[in-house]
Protein backbone atom coordinates (compact mmCIF):
# COMPACT_ATOMS: atom_id res chain seq x y z
CA MET A 1 -9.63 13.36 -17.45
CA SER A 2 -9.90 15.92 -14.67
CA ASP A 3 -7.83 15.71 -11.53
CA PRO A 4 -9.53 14.02 -8.60
CA PRO A 5 -10.46 16.17 -5.61
CA GLU A 6 -7.98 16.43 -2.79
CA PRO A 7 -8.35 13.50 -0.38
CA HIS A 8 -10.59 14.28 2.58
CA PRO A 9 -8.17 14.97 5.47
CA VAL A 10 -8.64 12.50 8.29
CA ALA A 11 -6.52 12.74 11.43
CA SER A 12 -8.64 10.09 13.14
CA LEU A 13 -11.63 8.06 12.01
CA ARG A 14 -13.72 5.83 14.27
CA ASP A 15 -16.81 5.51 12.06
CA PRO A 16 -16.59 5.18 8.26
CA GLU A 17 -20.18 6.39 7.94
CA ALA A 18 -18.86 9.86 8.87
CA LEU A 19 -17.31 9.94 5.38
CA LEU A 20 -20.52 9.28 3.48
CA ASP A 21 -21.50 12.96 3.15
CA ARG A 22 -18.04 14.22 2.14
CA ASP A 23 -17.71 15.46 -1.44
CA ALA A 24 -14.10 14.29 -1.75
CA VAL A 25 -14.96 10.73 -0.70
CA ARG A 26 -16.70 8.39 -3.13
CA ALA A 27 -19.16 5.90 -1.66
CA GLU A 28 -19.83 2.57 -3.35
CA ARG A 29 -21.63 -0.67 -2.63
CA VAL A 30 -19.64 -3.74 -3.63
CA ALA A 31 -21.22 -7.20 -3.83
CA ARG A 32 -19.09 -10.33 -3.76
CA THR A 33 -20.64 -13.77 -4.20
CA LEU A 34 -18.52 -16.58 -2.78
CA ASP A 35 -18.71 -20.35 -2.66
CA ALA A 36 -19.58 -21.79 0.77
CA ASP A 37 -16.00 -22.41 1.96
CA ARG A 38 -14.69 -19.01 0.89
CA TYR A 39 -17.76 -17.31 2.35
CA GLU A 40 -17.26 -18.98 5.75
CA ALA A 41 -13.55 -18.12 5.79
CA ARG A 42 -14.31 -14.49 4.95
CA ARG A 43 -17.10 -14.30 7.54
CA GLU A 44 -14.78 -15.70 10.23
CA GLN A 45 -12.12 -13.14 9.29
CA TYR A 46 -14.62 -10.28 9.54
CA ASP A 47 -16.05 -11.56 12.84
CA ASP A 48 -12.85 -10.34 14.53
CA ILE A 49 -12.48 -6.93 12.84
CA ASP A 50 -14.48 -3.77 12.12
CA GLY A 51 -13.45 -3.69 8.47
CA VAL A 52 -10.54 -3.21 6.11
CA VAL A 53 -8.40 -0.38 4.77
CA GLN A 54 -6.68 -0.04 1.41
CA ILE A 55 -3.62 2.09 1.02
CA GLY A 56 -2.69 4.10 -2.05
CA LEU A 57 0.92 4.85 -1.09
CA THR A 58 2.36 7.39 -3.53
CA ASP A 59 6.00 8.30 -4.07
CA GLY A 60 5.69 11.90 -5.32
CA ASP A 61 6.69 10.83 -8.85
CA GLY A 62 3.24 9.69 -9.99
CA ARG A 63 3.69 6.10 -8.87
CA VAL A 64 1.71 3.91 -6.48
CA LEU A 65 2.99 0.99 -4.44
CA LEU A 66 1.42 -2.37 -5.20
CA GLN A 67 1.82 -5.71 -3.50
CA ASP A 68 1.73 -9.31 -4.67
CA TRP A 69 1.10 -10.63 -1.19
CA ASN A 70 0.57 -14.31 -1.78
CA GLY A 71 2.83 -15.18 -4.66
CA THR A 72 -0.01 -15.50 -7.19
CA GLY A 73 1.43 -12.83 -9.46
CA GLU A 74 -1.71 -10.72 -8.97
CA TRP A 75 -1.06 -7.15 -7.87
CA ALA A 76 -3.22 -5.04 -5.54
CA PRO A 77 -2.83 -2.05 -3.24
CA PRO A 78 -1.59 -2.93 0.24
CA GLY A 79 -4.22 -3.13 2.92
CA GLY A 80 -4.93 -4.00 6.50
CA THR A 81 -7.59 -4.68 9.05
CA VAL A 82 -9.24 -2.42 11.60
CA GLU A 83 -9.55 -3.80 15.11
CA PRO A 84 -12.95 -3.49 16.82
CA GLY A 85 -13.38 0.13 17.91
CA GLY A 86 -10.10 1.03 16.22
CA ASP A 87 -9.06 4.14 14.34
CA TRP A 88 -9.30 3.56 10.60
CA ALA A 89 -6.72 6.20 9.63
CA ALA A 90 -4.27 4.85 12.20
CA ALA A 91 -4.86 1.33 10.87
CA ALA A 92 -3.97 2.51 7.35
CA ARG A 93 -0.76 4.19 8.52
CA ARG A 94 0.22 1.26 10.75
CA SER A 95 -0.45 -1.32 8.01
CA ALA A 96 1.65 0.62 5.49
CA GLU A 97 4.50 1.18 7.93
CA ARG A 98 4.58 -2.45 9.08
CA LEU A 99 4.70 -3.63 5.48
CA THR A 100 7.31 -1.17 4.25
CA GLY A 101 9.38 -0.25 7.29
CA VAL A 102 9.23 3.45 6.31
CA SER A 103 7.25 6.32 7.85
CA VAL A 104 3.99 7.07 6.08
CA ALA A 105 1.66 10.09 6.21
CA VAL A 106 -2.07 9.61 5.69
CA GLU A 107 -3.17 12.31 3.22
CA GLY A 108 -6.85 11.48 3.51
CA ALA A 109 -9.77 9.23 2.68
CA VAL A 110 -10.98 8.89 -0.91
CA LEU A 111 -13.38 5.94 -0.97
CA VAL A 112 -15.71 4.18 1.45
CA GLU A 113 -17.13 0.86 0.31
CA ASP A 114 -20.05 -1.04 1.76
CA LEU A 115 -18.73 -4.54 1.14
CA ARG A 116 -21.49 -7.14 0.93
CA PHE A 117 -20.47 -10.80 0.94
CA GLU A 118 -23.04 -13.42 0.02
CA ARG A 119 -22.98 -17.21 -0.19
CA ARG A 120 -23.47 -18.33 -3.75
CA ASP A 121 -26.63 -20.25 -2.76
CA GLY A 122 -28.08 -17.05 -1.23
CA SER A 123 -28.51 -18.61 2.21
CA ALA A 124 -26.36 -16.09 4.10
CA SER A 125 -24.73 -12.68 3.77
CA PHE A 126 -22.96 -10.01 5.78
CA SER A 127 -21.66 -6.49 5.22
CA ALA A 128 -18.61 -4.58 6.37
CA TYR A 129 -16.89 -1.34 5.44
CA GLY A 130 -13.71 -0.82 3.51
CA VAL A 131 -12.04 2.60 3.43
CA SER A 132 -9.34 3.62 0.94
CA PHE A 133 -6.73 6.15 2.00
CA VAL A 134 -4.15 8.03 -0.05
CA CYS A 135 -0.83 8.03 1.78
CA SER A 136 2.62 9.38 1.03
CA LEU A 137 6.15 8.71 2.21
CA ALA A 138 6.75 10.86 5.30
CA GLU A 139 10.52 10.73 4.80
CA PRO A 140 12.69 10.66 1.68
CA ALA A 141 13.51 6.91 1.95
CA PRO A 142 15.66 6.91 -1.23
CA SER A 143 16.45 3.18 -1.15
CA PHE A 144 12.76 2.30 -0.71
CA ARG A 145 11.80 4.67 -3.54
CA GLU A 146 14.32 2.91 -5.81
CA ASP A 147 13.69 -0.69 -4.78
CA PRO A 148 10.73 -1.21 -2.45
CA ALA A 149 11.06 -4.22 -0.20
CA VAL A 150 8.94 -5.79 2.49
CA ALA A 151 10.16 -4.79 5.96
CA PRO A 152 12.05 -7.59 7.75
CA GLU A 153 9.62 -7.45 10.70
CA SER A 154 6.53 -7.62 8.46
CA ARG A 155 4.33 -10.70 8.57
CA PHE A 156 5.06 -10.93 4.82
CA ALA A 157 8.85 -11.02 5.29
CA ASP A 158 9.00 -14.78 4.71
CA GLY A 159 9.08 -14.23 0.96
CA ASP A 160 5.36 -14.48 0.23
CA ALA A 161 5.12 -10.83 -0.81
CA GLU A 162 6.67 -8.59 -3.40
CA LEU A 163 6.36 -4.81 -3.69
CA ALA A 164 6.60 -2.62 -6.79
CA TRP A 165 6.06 1.01 -7.74
CA VAL A 166 3.82 1.34 -10.79
CA SER A 167 2.76 4.25 -12.96
CA THR A 168 0.07 2.23 -14.78
CA ALA A 169 -2.09 -0.67 -13.66
CA PRO A 170 -0.28 -3.91 -14.51
CA ASP A 171 -2.06 -6.48 -16.67
CA ALA A 172 -1.75 -8.83 -13.69
CA THR A 173 -3.76 -6.57 -11.35
CA ASN A 174 -6.20 -8.57 -9.22
CA GLU A 175 -9.61 -8.25 -10.87
CA ASN A 176 -11.20 -6.96 -7.63
CA HIS A 177 -8.66 -4.12 -7.46
CA VAL A 178 -8.24 -2.73 -10.99
CA ASP A 179 -10.48 0.26 -10.19
CA HIS A 180 -8.65 0.85 -6.89
CA VAL A 181 -5.25 0.87 -8.60
CA ASN A 182 -6.46 3.29 -11.28
CA MET A 183 -8.06 5.53 -8.64
CA PHE A 184 -4.83 5.67 -6.62
CA LEU A 185 -2.83 6.38 -9.79
CA ARG A 186 -5.07 9.40 -10.51
CA TYR A 187 -4.26 10.68 -7.01
CA ALA A 188 -0.55 9.97 -7.50
CA GLY A 189 -0.57 12.08 -10.66
CA ARG A 190 -2.77 14.91 -9.36
CA ASP A 191 0.26 17.16 -8.99
CA GLY A 192 0.78 16.96 -12.75
CA SER A 193 3.36 14.17 -12.79
CA ASP A 194 2.72 10.81 -14.46
């Protein structure tokens, strides 16, 4: 398998549509059909935000940080929300730093998703963007590299989240995020390490 292209450098991003014509950024449409209650909960969540970011935080040794954020045992890349009118790259960095307590550098954008949510009965739908960023540790952080832990000031510090570095997608990867984990692992290994 060939190495992925370098992430598209993004110092600031106000509009994810600006990424759609970039060769280094994949664009995908993702459809999710939800029962009525889950659809309404998701719609209410998205009413207050512009979209979501996913973070492929790499450690320089070919590993990616994953999170089991709700104690289900299902692993996924960390993520966050983008406030209305907010900067998507800043949201990715801020979300990663709040979760981990370590400084993070945004390497660039690699995926923009047009997320379409639809009620199972087809009576309603809405769309929002999701942008995936490759990030790296901006400082050595040896203890975090050895044993990643949720930052004490994180909203997940109450014990509902666990962090782990992985070099392959775990069998318990959340089904909606298997492709994301594998994509981030390709970026983590692009320097030749596995």
